[in-house]
Amino acid sequence: DETEQDQQDLRQRKAEIARCWIKYCLNLLQSAQKLLEDNIGELDPDRQLELKAQRKKEEDEKEKGRKKAVLFGTSDICDSVLAMEEKVSSVYPLDFQEAREIFLVGQNYVQEAKEFFQVDGYVTDHIEIVQDHSALFKVLAFFEEDYERRCKMHKRRIDMLEPIYADLNPQYYLLISRQLQFELADTYYEMMDLKVAIGNRLEELDSHTIKKINSLAQLSIKYYELFLDSLRNPDKVFPEELEEDVLRPAMVAKFHIARLYGKLITSDSKKQLENMQTSLEYYTFLVDYCEKYPNAVCAVETELELSKEMVGLLPTRMERLRAKLCPFI
């Protein structure tokens, strides 16, 4: 039936426009993050003040222009154009409140797009929309100062990505499966870092916080390992040389696993020694790989520098721990 087909086409076009809006909101937030972040990826308050002052100056200039428009009788057109623009502006958000407004517009469009692009029949489209939703939460978390609330935002990402990953057949959707493994690992990693930062503010770590840190670290390791396993050949052998498109993610995964083993908290010194040994092996992989394939260096400069440092430090730390353990071994 033609009218039914027309209706279907119209619904699809609307959902496609909604997806464009999601990308617009996401890009606006991500560009603002790039402007505001310092060299460790946190919000730089000095830069924030500077950009706010600059914007205030620009707005004052604009207002002068608006007053001129009133004089020449074109203010009605000016106002109607402004009303359209104000739904989502092209102005970079500079604090949590402004970022949240754009986030909410994006989130509304996510719901609209998902109504048409459902899992049945539109697997890849549906997953991409959910990944965008997760990315909206990720960038909103950047603007959030409170670590606990930031953690909750990342938890929302886990809750939307894990069920999708669990239902996905990696045989047919290898690329998406890898993307989800890496994003889940990264999100747990971020949450673990936040819990460590929260723990550092306490007088002493309570058992609940220790359990939480360890559990997040282990989940992050699990997903990074799944990602790395997906790169193995049918005989389960890890590639000698990595393809260019997976080089950086694979190296970051190895580096993060090394760091995660160093973050696991245990009162058992023997276990601690094992964790340090595993950590050292992963750092060493990075250093050895870059020596063997110098072209890889530019993809992981920061990680390589830190890995070299740890390869130098860890054996001494392990020796000290062994010396303490000596009477008991």
C-alpha atoms as a PDB file:
ATOM      1  CA  ASP A   1       0.000   0.000   0.000  1.00  0.00           C
ATOM      2  CA  GLU A   2       1.494   3.284  -1.170  1.00  0.00           C
ATOM      3  CA  THR A   3       0.372   5.499   1.701  1.00  0.00           C
ATOM      4  CA  GLU A   4       1.719   2.985   4.213  1.00  0.00           C
ATOM      5  CA  GLN A   5       5.039   2.949   2.355  1.00  0.00           C
ATOM      6  CA  ASP A   6       5.024   6.762   2.366  1.00  0.00           C
ATOM      7  CA  GLN A   7       4.397   6.754   6.110  1.00  0.00           C
ATOM      8  CA  GLN A   8       7.268   4.315   6.588  1.00  0.00           C
ATOM      9  CA  ASP A   9       9.576   6.467   4.433  1.00  0.00           C
ATOM     10  CA  LEU A  10       8.586   9.558   6.380  1.00  0.00           C
ATOM     11  CA  ARG A  11       9.311   7.831   9.705  1.00  0.00           C
ATOM     12  CA  GLN A  12      12.702   6.745   8.386  1.00  0.00           C
ATOM     13  CA  ARG A  13      13.575  10.267   7.177  1.00  0.00           C
ATOM     14  CA  LYS A  14      12.585  11.706  10.568  1.00  0.00           C
ATOM     15  CA  ALA A  15      14.751   9.125  12.343  1.00  0.00           C
ATOM     16  CA  GLU A  16      17.655   9.926  10.006  1.00  0.00           C
ATOM     17  CA  ILE A  17      17.305  13.648  10.744  1.00  0.00           C
ATOM     18  CA  ALA A  18      17.239  12.796  14.469  1.00  0.00           C
ATOM     19  CA  ARG A  19      20.558  10.959  13.985  1.00  0.00           C
ATOM     20  CA  CYS A  20      22.055  14.067  12.369  1.00  0.00           C
ATOM     21  CA  TRP A  21      20.980  16.071  15.419  1.00  0.00           C
ATOM     22  CA  ILE A  22      22.594  13.502  17.746  1.00  0.00           C
ATOM     23  CA  LYS A  23      25.888  13.894  15.852  1.00  0.00           C
ATOM     24  CA  TYR A  24      25.560  17.676  15.958  1.00  0.00           C
ATOM     25  CA  CYS A  25      25.048  17.753  19.753  1.00  0.00           C
ATOM     26  CA  LEU A  26      27.861  15.252  20.239  1.00  0.00           C
ATOM     27  CA  ASN A  27      30.307  17.197  18.063  1.00  0.00           C
ATOM     28  CA  LEU A  28      29.431  20.463  19.791  1.00  0.00           C
ATOM     29  CA  LEU A  29      30.120  18.916  23.217  1.00  0.00           C
ATOM     30  CA  GLN A  30      33.304  17.147  22.095  1.00  0.00           C
ATOM     31  CA  SER A  31      34.700  20.301  20.467  1.00  0.00           C
ATOM     32  CA  ALA A  32      34.025  22.210  23.694  1.00  0.00           C
ATOM     33  CA  GLN A  33      35.849  19.489  25.637  1.00  0.00           C
ATOM     34  CA  LYS A  34      38.906  19.855  23.368  1.00  0.00           C
ATOM     35  CA  LEU A  35      38.917  23.608  24.042  1.00  0.00           C
ATOM     36  CA  LEU A  36      38.630  23.187  27.802  1.00  0.00           C
ATOM     37  CA  GLU A  37      40.810  20.198  28.661  1.00  0.00           C
ATOM     38  CA  ASP A  38      44.286  20.340  30.139  1.00  0.00           C
ATOM     39  CA  ASN A  39      47.140  17.968  29.271  1.00  0.00           C
ATOM     40  CA  ILE A  40      45.703  15.138  31.407  1.00  0.00           C
ATOM     41  CA  GLY A  41      42.196  15.419  29.986  1.00  0.00           C
ATOM     42  CA  GLU A  42      40.598  17.262  32.923  1.00  0.00           C
ATOM     43  CA  LEU A  43      38.680  20.540  32.753  1.00  0.00           C
ATOM     44  CA  ASP A  44      41.051  23.514  33.040  1.00  0.00           C
ATOM     45  CA  PRO A  45      39.320  26.190  35.219  1.00  0.00           C
ATOM     46  CA  ASP A  46      41.603  29.037  34.042  1.00  0.00           C
ATOM     47  CA  ARG A  47      40.849  28.249  30.417  1.00  0.00           C
ATOM     48  CA  GLN A  48      37.143  28.084  31.330  1.00  0.00           C
ATOM     49  CA  LEU A  49      37.197  31.602  32.841  1.00  0.00           C
ATOM     50  CA  GLU A  50      39.145  32.952  29.883  1.00  0.00           C
ATOM     51  CA  LEU A  51      36.657  31.505  27.353  1.00  0.00           C
ATOM     52  CA  LYS A  52      33.665  32.767  29.352  1.00  0.00           C
ATOM     53  CA  ALA A  53      35.099  36.297  29.413  1.00  0.00           C
ATOM     54  CA  GLN A  54      35.789  36.132  25.678  1.00  0.00           C
ATOM     55  CA  ARG A  55      32.225  34.986  24.999  1.00  0.00           C
ATOM     56  CA  LYS A  56      30.745  37.747  27.176  1.00  0.00           C
ATOM     57  CA  LYS A  57      32.666  40.299  25.115  1.00  0.00           C
ATOM     58  CA  GLU A  58      31.356  38.794  21.848  1.00  0.00           C
ATOM     59  CA  GLU A  59      27.772  38.768  23.175  1.00  0.00           C
ATOM     60  CA  ASP A  60      28.010  42.450  24.116  1.00  0.00           C
ATOM     61  CA  GLU A  61      29.158  43.249  20.573  1.00  0.00           C
ATOM     62  CA  LYS A  62      26.231  41.237  19.187  1.00  0.00           C
ATOM     63  CA  GLU A  63      23.769  43.100  21.423  1.00  0.00           C
ATOM     64  CA  LYS A  64      24.992  46.394  19.943  1.00  0.00           C
ATOM     65  CA  GLY A  65      24.189  45.000  16.488  1.00  0.00           C
ATOM     66  CA  ARG A  66      20.755  43.897  17.725  1.00  0.00           C
ATOM     67  CA  LYS A  67      20.006  47.452  18.910  1.00  0.00           C
ATOM     68  CA  LYS A  68      20.831  48.748  15.436  1.00  0.00           C
ATOM     69  CA  ALA A  69      18.368  46.214  13.953  1.00  0.00           C
ATOM     70  CA  VAL A  70      15.614  47.613  16.203  1.00  0.00           C
ATOM     71  CA  LEU A  71      16.336  51.104  14.857  1.00  0.00           C
ATOM     72  CA  PHE A  72      15.923  49.918  11.269  1.00  0.00           C
ATOM     73  CA  GLY A  73      12.733  47.945  11.946  1.00  0.00           C
ATOM     74  CA  THR A  74      14.102  44.437  11.173  1.00  0.00           C
ATOM     75  CA  SER A  75      13.934  43.197  14.767  1.00  0.00           C
ATOM     76  CA  ASP A  76      10.961  40.830  14.143  1.00  0.00           C
ATOM     77  CA  ILE A  77      12.915  38.811  11.597  1.00  0.00           C
ATOM     78  CA  CYS A  78      15.914  38.895  13.938  1.00  0.00           C
ATOM     79  CA  ASP A  79      13.801  37.492  16.787  1.00  0.00           C
ATOM     80  CA  SER A  80      12.215  34.680  14.766  1.00  0.00           C
ATOM     81  CA  VAL A  81      15.628  33.539  13.482  1.00  0.00           C
ATOM     82  CA  LEU A  82      17.003  33.670  17.031  1.00  0.00           C
ATOM     83  CA  ALA A  83      14.104  31.567  18.357  1.00  0.00           C
ATOM     84  CA  MET A  84      14.952  28.837  15.836  1.00  0.00           C
ATOM     85  CA  GLU A  85      18.665  28.993  16.623  1.00  0.00           C
ATOM     86  CA  GLU A  86      18.178  28.886  20.375  1.00  0.00           C
ATOM     87  CA  LYS A  87      16.866  25.306  20.410  1.00  0.00           C
ATOM     88  CA  VAL A  88      20.466  24.194  19.973  1.00  0.00           C
ATOM     89  CA  SER A  89      22.945  26.959  19.477  1.00  0.00           C
ATOM     90  CA  SER A  90      26.324  26.754  17.812  1.00  0.00           C
ATOM     91  CA  VAL A  91      27.932  28.237  20.926  1.00  0.00           C
ATOM     92  CA  TYR A  92      30.327  25.932  22.763  1.00  0.00           C
ATOM     93  CA  PRO A  93      29.089  24.967  26.236  1.00  0.00           C
ATOM     94  CA  LEU A  94      31.574  26.094  28.885  1.00  0.00           C
ATOM     95  CA  ASP A  95      30.188  24.513  32.064  1.00  0.00           C
ATOM     96  CA  PHE A  96      28.077  21.578  33.258  1.00  0.00           C
ATOM     97  CA  GLN A  97      24.740  23.412  33.078  1.00  0.00           C
ATOM     98  CA  GLU A  98      25.267  24.465  29.455  1.00  0.00           C
ATOM     99  CA  ALA A  99      26.614  21.030  28.496  1.00  0.00           C
ATOM    100  CA  ARG A 100      23.625  19.331  30.135  1.00  0.00           C
ATOM    101  CA  GLU A 101      21.155  21.327  28.025  1.00  0.00           C
ATOM    102  CA  ILE A 102      22.816  20.156  24.805  1.00  0.00           C
ATOM    103  CA  PHE A 103      23.108  16.621  26.203  1.00  0.00           C
ATOM    104  CA  LEU A 104      19.346  16.520  26.888  1.00  0.00           C
ATOM    105  CA  VAL A 105      18.506  17.651  23.352  1.00  0.00           C
ATOM    106  CA  GLY A 106      20.823  14.934  22.003  1.00  0.00           C
ATOM    107  CA  GLN A 107      19.283  12.350  24.323  1.00  0.00           C
ATOM    108  CA  ASN A 108      15.763  13.196  23.105  1.00  0.00           C
ATOM    109  CA  TYR A 109      16.892  12.605  19.541  1.00  0.00           C
ATOM    110  CA  VAL A 110      18.448   9.279  20.631  1.00  0.00           C
ATOM    111  CA  GLN A 111      15.016   8.088  21.830  1.00  0.00           C
ATOM    112  CA  GLU A 112      13.410   9.298  18.598  1.00  0.00           C
ATOM    113  CA  ALA A 113      16.000   7.580  16.386  1.00  0.00           C
ATOM    114  CA  LYS A 114      15.804   4.330  18.380  1.00  0.00           C
ATOM    115  CA  GLU A 115      12.038   4.121  17.863  1.00  0.00           C
ATOM    116  CA  PHE A 116      12.586   3.583  14.156  1.00  0.00           C
ATOM    117  CA  PHE A 117      16.020   1.926  14.113  1.00  0.00           C
ATOM    118  CA  GLN A 118      15.220  -1.028  16.368  1.00  0.00           C
ATOM    119  CA  VAL A 119      17.525  -3.973  16.993  1.00  0.00           C
ATOM    120  CA  ASP A 120      15.329  -6.261  14.895  1.00  0.00           C
ATOM    121  CA  GLY A 121      16.087  -5.332  11.331  1.00  0.00           C
ATOM    122  CA  TYR A 122      18.549  -2.499  11.991  1.00  0.00           C
ATOM    123  CA  VAL A 123      21.266  -4.042  14.171  1.00  0.00           C
ATOM    124  CA  THR A 124      24.201  -1.858  13.121  1.00  0.00           C
ATOM    125  CA  ASP A 125      22.175   1.374  13.042  1.00  0.00           C
ATOM    126  CA  HIS A 126      20.680   0.651  16.452  1.00  0.00           C
ATOM    127  CA  ILE A 127      24.074  -0.112  18.003  1.00  0.00           C
ATOM    128  CA  GLU A 128      25.624   3.023  16.520  1.00  0.00           C
ATOM    129  CA  ILE A 129      22.838   5.123  18.080  1.00  0.00           C
ATOM    130  CA  VAL A 130      23.457   3.480  21.471  1.00  0.00           C
ATOM    131  CA  GLN A 131      27.211   4.122  21.062  1.00  0.00           C
ATOM    132  CA  ASP A 132      26.414   7.792  20.392  1.00  0.00           C
ATOM    133  CA  HIS A 133      24.218   7.857  23.502  1.00  0.00           C
ATOM    134  CA  SER A 134      27.133   6.442  25.490  1.00  0.00           C
ATOM    135  CA  ALA A 135      29.454   9.065  23.949  1.00  0.00           C
ATOM    136  CA  LEU A 136      27.021  11.811  25.046  1.00  0.00           C
ATOM    137  CA  PHE A 137      27.263  10.542  28.644  1.00  0.00           C
ATOM    138  CA  LYS A 138      31.050  10.320  28.369  1.00  0.00           C
ATOM    139  CA  VAL A 139      31.442  13.938  27.301  1.00  0.00           C
ATOM    140  CA  LEU A 140      28.871  15.139  29.862  1.00  0.00           C
ATOM    141  CA  ALA A 141      30.933  13.395  32.573  1.00  0.00           C
ATOM    142  CA  PHE A 142      33.901  15.558  31.545  1.00  0.00           C
ATOM    143  CA  PHE A 143      31.952  18.659  32.652  1.00  0.00           C
ATOM    144  CA  GLU A 144      30.854  17.096  35.966  1.00  0.00           C
ATOM    145  CA  GLU A 145      33.048  18.062  38.932  1.00  0.00           C
ATOM    146  CA  ASP A 146      31.677  15.544  41.437  1.00  0.00           C
ATOM    147  CA  TYR A 147      33.517  12.204  41.079  1.00  0.00           C
ATOM    148  CA  GLU A 148      30.647  10.102  42.466  1.00  0.00           C
ATOM    149  CA  ARG A 149      28.173  11.596  39.983  1.00  0.00           C
ATOM    150  CA  ARG A 150      30.713  11.213  37.199  1.00  0.00           C
ATOM    151  CA  CYS A 151      31.031   7.543  38.113  1.00  0.00           C
ATOM    152  CA  LYS A 152      27.250   7.124  37.872  1.00  0.00           C
ATOM    153  CA  MET A 153      27.292   8.561  34.338  1.00  0.00           C
ATOM    154  CA  HIS A 154      29.883   5.995  33.279  1.00  0.00           C
ATOM    155  CA  LYS A 155      27.767   3.292  34.935  1.00  0.00           C
ATOM    156  CA  ARG A 156      24.875   4.358  32.677  1.00  0.00           C
ATOM    157  CA  ARG A 157      27.176   3.732  29.701  1.00  0.00           C
ATOM    158  CA  ILE A 158      28.000   0.236  30.974  1.00  0.00           C
ATOM    159  CA  ASP A 159      24.283  -0.507  31.455  1.00  0.00           C
ATOM    160  CA  MET A 160      23.462   0.392  27.853  1.00  0.00           C
ATOM    161  CA  LEU A 161      26.506  -1.237  26.193  1.00  0.00           C
ATOM    162  CA  GLU A 162      26.836  -4.550  28.062  1.00  0.00           C
ATOM    163  CA  PRO A 163      23.464  -6.069  27.058  1.00  0.00           C
ATOM    164  CA  ILE A 164      24.116  -5.176  23.412  1.00  0.00           C
ATOM    165  CA  TYR A 165      27.575  -6.739  23.523  1.00  0.00           C
ATOM    166  CA  ALA A 166      26.227  -9.888  25.198  1.00  0.00           C
ATOM    167  CA  ASP A 167      23.692 -10.412  22.374  1.00  0.00           C
ATOM    168  CA  LEU A 168      26.146  -9.800  19.548  1.00  0.00           C
ATOM    169  CA  ASN A 169      27.633 -12.609  17.475  1.00  0.00           C
ATOM    170  CA  PRO A 170      31.298 -11.612  16.934  1.00  0.00           C
ATOM    171  CA  GLN A 171      31.487 -13.975  13.971  1.00  0.00           C
ATOM    172  CA  TYR A 172      29.193 -11.673  11.975  1.00  0.00           C
ATOM    173  CA  TYR A 173      29.917  -8.379  13.713  1.00  0.00           C
ATOM    174  CA  LEU A 174      33.639  -8.516  14.488  1.00  0.00           C
ATOM    175  CA  LEU A 175      34.320  -4.794  14.112  1.00  0.00           C
ATOM    176  CA  ILE A 176      31.374  -3.665  16.262  1.00  0.00           C
ATOM    177  CA  SER A 177      32.192  -6.375  18.787  1.00  0.00           C
ATOM    178  CA  ARG A 178      35.759  -5.024  19.097  1.00  0.00           C
ATOM    179  CA  GLN A 179      34.518  -1.447  19.440  1.00  0.00           C
ATOM    180  CA  LEU A 180      32.203  -2.484  22.277  1.00  0.00           C
ATOM    181  CA  GLN A 181      34.879  -4.559  24.040  1.00  0.00           C
ATOM    182  CA  PHE A 182      37.257  -1.622  23.945  1.00  0.00           C
ATOM    183  CA  GLU A 183      34.664   0.925  25.046  1.00  0.00           C
ATOM    184  CA  LEU A 184      33.474  -1.261  27.934  1.00  0.00           C
ATOM    185  CA  ALA A 185      37.078  -1.826  29.043  1.00  0.00           C
ATOM    186  CA  ASP A 186      37.776   1.903  28.808  1.00  0.00           C
ATOM    187  CA  THR A 187      34.645   2.807  30.765  1.00  0.00           C
ATOM    188  CA  TYR A 188      35.446   0.384  33.599  1.00  0.00           C
ATOM    189  CA  TYR A 189      39.014   1.764  33.555  1.00  0.00           C
ATOM    190  CA  GLU A 190      37.703   5.308  33.913  1.00  0.00           C
ATOM    191  CA  MET A 191      35.408   4.249  36.784  1.00  0.00           C
ATOM    192  CA  MET A 192      38.299   2.484  38.529  1.00  0.00           C
ATOM    193  CA  ASP A 193      40.417   5.654  38.269  1.00  0.00           C
ATOM    194  CA  LEU A 194      37.565   7.723  39.731  1.00  0.00           C
ATOM    195  CA  LYS A 195      37.087   5.280  42.627  1.00  0.00           C
ATOM    196  CA  VAL A 196      40.846   5.439  43.340  1.00  0.00           C
ATOM    197  CA  ALA A 197      40.636   9.260  43.362  1.00  0.00           C
ATOM    198  CA  ILE A 198      37.638   9.090  45.738  1.00  0.00           C
ATOM    199  CA  GLY A 199      39.538   6.583  47.911  1.00  0.00           C
ATOM    200  CA  ASN A 200      42.582   8.867  48.073  1.00  0.00           C
ATOM    201  CA  ARG A 201      40.463  11.500  49.813  1.00  0.00           C
ATOM    202  CA  LEU A 202      39.554   9.118  52.638  1.00  0.00           C
ATOM    203  CA  GLU A 203      41.594   8.829  55.839  1.00  0.00           C
ATOM    204  CA  GLU A 204      42.054   5.162  55.035  1.00  0.00           C
ATOM    205  CA  LEU A 205      40.561   2.834  52.446  1.00  0.00           C
ATOM    206  CA  ASP A 206      37.601   0.852  53.758  1.00  0.00           C
ATOM    207  CA  SER A 207      36.979  -2.702  52.578  1.00  0.00           C
ATOM    208  CA  HIS A 208      33.972  -1.637  50.469  1.00  0.00           C
ATOM    209  CA  THR A 209      36.077   0.828  48.419  1.00  0.00           C
ATOM    210  CA  ILE A 210      38.878  -1.739  48.024  1.00  0.00           C
ATOM    211  CA  LYS A 211      36.391  -4.341  46.747  1.00  0.00           C
ATOM    212  CA  LYS A 212      34.916  -1.799  44.333  1.00  0.00           C
ATOM    213  CA  ILE A 213      38.322  -0.746  42.953  1.00  0.00           C
ATOM    214  CA  ASN A 214      39.400  -4.376  42.491  1.00  0.00           C
ATOM    215  CA  SER A 215      36.146  -5.415  40.863  1.00  0.00           C
ATOM    216  CA  LEU A 216      36.219  -2.486  38.386  1.00  0.00           C
ATOM    217  CA  ALA A 217      39.877  -3.173  37.572  1.00  0.00           C
ATOM    218  CA  GLN A 218      39.159  -6.871  36.945  1.00  0.00           C
ATOM    219  CA  LEU A 219      36.199  -6.083  34.682  1.00  0.00           C
ATOM    220  CA  SER A 220      38.320  -3.632  32.728  1.00  0.00           C
ATOM    221  CA  ILE A 221      41.073  -6.256  32.342  1.00  0.00           C
ATOM    222  CA  LYS A 222      38.453  -8.806  31.218  1.00  0.00           C
ATOM    223  CA  TYR A 223      37.213  -6.606  28.349  1.00  0.00           C
ATOM    224  CA  TYR A 224      40.703  -5.489  27.273  1.00  0.00           C
ATOM    225  CA  GLU A 225      41.735  -9.167  27.161  1.00  0.00           C
ATOM    226  CA  LEU A 226      38.638 -10.024  25.100  1.00  0.00           C
ATOM    227  CA  PHE A 227      39.593  -7.249  22.690  1.00  0.00           C
ATOM    228  CA  LEU A 228      43.199  -8.494  22.439  1.00  0.00           C
ATOM    229  CA  ASP A 229      41.992 -12.099  21.998  1.00  0.00           C
ATOM    230  CA  SER A 230      39.864 -10.988  19.042  1.00  0.00           C
ATOM    231  CA  LEU A 231      43.120 -10.055  17.250  1.00  0.00           C
ATOM    232  CA  ARG A 232      44.480 -13.618  17.488  1.00  0.00           C
ATOM    233  CA  ASN A 233      44.444 -15.865  14.419  1.00  0.00           C
ATOM    234  CA  PRO A 234      42.329 -19.078  14.247  1.00  0.00           C
ATOM    235  CA  ASP A 235      45.194 -20.942  15.976  1.00  0.00           C
ATOM    236  CA  LYS A 236      44.888 -18.464  18.868  1.00  0.00           C
ATOM    237  CA  VAL A 237      48.285 -16.897  18.121  1.00  0.00           C
ATOM    238  CA  PHE A 238      48.727 -13.155  18.703  1.00  0.00           C
ATOM    239  CA  PRO A 239      49.998 -11.389  15.534  1.00  0.00           C
ATOM    240  CA  GLU A 240      53.747 -10.741  15.214  1.00  0.00           C
ATOM    241  CA  GLU A 241      53.045  -7.324  13.706  1.00  0.00           C
ATOM    242  CA  LEU A 242      49.767  -5.497  14.286  1.00  0.00           C
ATOM    243  CA  GLU A 243      47.641  -4.044  11.485  1.00  0.00           C
ATOM    244  CA  GLU A 244      47.703  -0.252  11.415  1.00  0.00           C
ATOM    245  CA  ASP A 245      44.008   0.164  12.306  1.00  0.00           C
ATOM    246  CA  VAL A 246      44.336  -1.865  15.527  1.00  0.00           C
ATOM    247  CA  LEU A 247      47.887  -0.842  16.479  1.00  0.00           C
ATOM    248  CA  ARG A 248      47.030   2.014  18.845  1.00  0.00           C
ATOM    249  CA  PRO A 249      43.996   0.338  20.508  1.00  0.00           C
ATOM    250  CA  ALA A 250      45.995  -2.881  21.049  1.00  0.00           C
ATOM    251  CA  MET A 251      48.934  -0.984  22.551  1.00  0.00           C
ATOM    252  CA  VAL A 252      46.660   1.112  24.770  1.00  0.00           C
ATOM    253  CA  ALA A 253      44.920  -2.096  25.908  1.00  0.00           C
ATOM    254  CA  LYS A 254      48.296  -3.662  26.825  1.00  0.00           C
ATOM    255  CA  PHE A 255      49.378  -0.476  28.616  1.00  0.00           C
ATOM    256  CA  HIS A 256      46.113  -0.166  30.549  1.00  0.00           C
ATOM    257  CA  ILE A 257      46.201  -3.836  31.601  1.00  0.00           C
ATOM    258  CA  ALA A 258      49.742  -3.281  32.912  1.00  0.00           C
ATOM    259  CA  ARG A 259      48.540  -0.281  34.886  1.00  0.00           C
ATOM    260  CA  LEU A 260      45.429  -2.116  36.147  1.00  0.00           C
ATOM    261  CA  TYR A 261      47.492  -4.986  37.582  1.00  0.00           C
ATOM    262  CA  GLY A 262      49.447  -2.321  39.435  1.00  0.00           C
ATOM    263  CA  LYS A 263      46.222  -0.899  40.884  1.00  0.00           C
ATOM    264  CA  LEU A 264      44.835  -4.165  42.294  1.00  0.00           C
ATOM    265  CA  ILE A 265      44.828  -3.945  46.092  1.00  0.00           C
ATOM    266  CA  THR A 266      45.765  -7.032  48.102  1.00  0.00           C
ATOM    267  CA  SER A 267      47.196  -7.660  51.562  1.00  0.00           C
ATOM    268  CA  ASP A 268      48.730 -10.920  50.306  1.00  0.00           C
ATOM    269  CA  SER A 269      52.338 -10.047  49.389  1.00  0.00           C
ATOM    270  CA  LYS A 270      52.727 -13.151  47.255  1.00  0.00           C
ATOM    271  CA  LYS A 271      49.687 -12.137  45.200  1.00  0.00           C
ATOM    272  CA  GLN A 272      51.056  -8.598  44.998  1.00  0.00           C
ATOM    273  CA  LEU A 273      54.304  -9.963  43.602  1.00  0.00           C
ATOM    274  CA  GLU A 274      52.389 -11.960  40.968  1.00  0.00           C
ATOM    275  CA  ASN A 275      50.438  -8.838  39.963  1.00  0.00           C
ATOM    276  CA  MET A 276      53.667  -6.837  39.649  1.00  0.00           C
ATOM    277  CA  GLN A 277      55.174  -9.596  37.513  1.00  0.00           C
ATOM    278  CA  THR A 278      52.130  -9.576  35.176  1.00  0.00           C
ATOM    279  CA  SER A 279      52.241  -5.788  35.069  1.00  0.00           C
ATOM    280  CA  LEU A 280      55.930  -5.892  34.122  1.00  0.00           C
ATOM    281  CA  GLU A 281      55.245  -8.401  31.314  1.00  0.00           C
ATOM    282  CA  TYR A 282      52.669  -6.095  29.721  1.00  0.00           C
ATOM    283  CA  TYR A 283      54.891  -3.008  30.000  1.00  0.00           C
ATOM    284  CA  THR A 284      57.779  -5.027  28.540  1.00  0.00           C
ATOM    285  CA  PHE A 285      55.612  -6.115  25.586  1.00  0.00           C
ATOM    286  CA  LEU A 286      55.099  -2.459  24.672  1.00  0.00           C
ATOM    287  CA  VAL A 287      58.795  -1.572  24.938  1.00  0.00           C
ATOM    288  CA  ASP A 288      59.948  -4.666  22.995  1.00  0.00           C
ATOM    289  CA  TYR A 289      57.338  -4.207  20.272  1.00  0.00           C
ATOM    290  CA  CYS A 290      58.383  -0.593  19.654  1.00  0.00           C
ATOM    291  CA  GLU A 291      62.049  -1.616  19.506  1.00  0.00           C
ATOM    292  CA  LYS A 292      61.223  -4.257  16.926  1.00  0.00           C
ATOM    293  CA  TYR A 293      58.849  -2.035  14.913  1.00  0.00           C
ATOM    294  CA  PRO A 294      60.052   1.597  15.276  1.00  0.00           C
ATOM    295  CA  ASN A 295      57.141   2.789  13.090  1.00  0.00           C
ATOM    296  CA  ALA A 296      54.817   2.033  16.000  1.00  0.00           C
ATOM    297  CA  VAL A 297      56.469   4.613  18.270  1.00  0.00           C
ATOM    298  CA  CYS A 298      54.527   7.641  17.001  1.00  0.00           C
ATOM    299  CA  ALA A 299      51.208   5.884  17.765  1.00  0.00           C
ATOM    300  CA  VAL A 300      52.013   5.403  21.464  1.00  0.00           C
ATOM    301  CA  GLU A 301      54.622   7.988  22.472  1.00  0.00           C
ATOM    302  CA  THR A 302      53.240   8.793  25.945  1.00  0.00           C
ATOM    303  CA  GLU A 303      52.440   5.161  26.781  1.00  0.00           C
ATOM    304  CA  LEU A 304      55.888   4.047  25.605  1.00  0.00           C
ATOM    305  CA  GLU A 305      57.668   6.635  27.737  1.00  0.00           C
ATOM    306  CA  LEU A 306      55.764   5.548  30.864  1.00  0.00           C
ATOM    307  CA  SER A 307      56.261   1.860  30.042  1.00  0.00           C
ATOM    308  CA  LYS A 308      60.040   2.330  29.784  1.00  0.00           C
ATOM    309  CA  GLU A 309      59.961   4.068  33.158  1.00  0.00           C
ATOM    310  CA  MET A 310      57.997   1.192  34.739  1.00  0.00           C
ATOM    311  CA  VAL A 311      60.247  -1.460  33.173  1.00  0.00           C
ATOM    312  CA  GLY A 312      63.098   0.346  34.946  1.00  0.00           C
ATOM    313  CA  LEU A 313      61.303   0.721  38.297  1.00  0.00           C
ATOM    314  CA  LEU A 314      59.309  -2.484  38.793  1.00  0.00           C
ATOM    315  CA  PRO A 315      62.176  -5.028  39.126  1.00  0.00           C
ATOM    316  CA  THR A 316      63.663  -3.011  42.040  1.00  0.00           C
ATOM    317  CA  ARG A 317      60.267  -2.782  43.750  1.00  0.00           C
ATOM    318  CA  MET A 318      59.795  -6.517  43.282  1.00  0.00           C
ATOM    319  CA  GLU A 319      63.228  -7.233  44.747  1.00  0.00           C
ATOM    320  CA  ARG A 320      62.335  -5.200  47.840  1.00  0.00           C
ATOM    321  CA  LEU A 321      59.085  -7.091  48.249  1.00  0.00           C
ATOM    322  CA  ARG A 322      60.855 -10.432  47.774  1.00  0.00           C
ATOM    323  CA  ALA A 323      63.381  -9.487  50.453  1.00  0.00           C
ATOM    324  CA  LYS A 324      60.503  -8.826  52.876  1.00  0.00           C
ATOM    325  CA  LEU A 325      58.942 -12.150  51.952  1.00  0.00           C
ATOM    326  CA  CYS A 326      62.195 -14.080  52.095  1.00  0.00           C
ATOM    327  CA  PRO A 327      61.754 -15.556  55.590  1.00  0.00           C
ATOM    328  CA  PHE A 328      58.342 -16.925  54.563  1.00  0.00           C
ATOM    329  CA  ILE A 329      59.171 -18.354  51.128  1.00  0.00           C
END
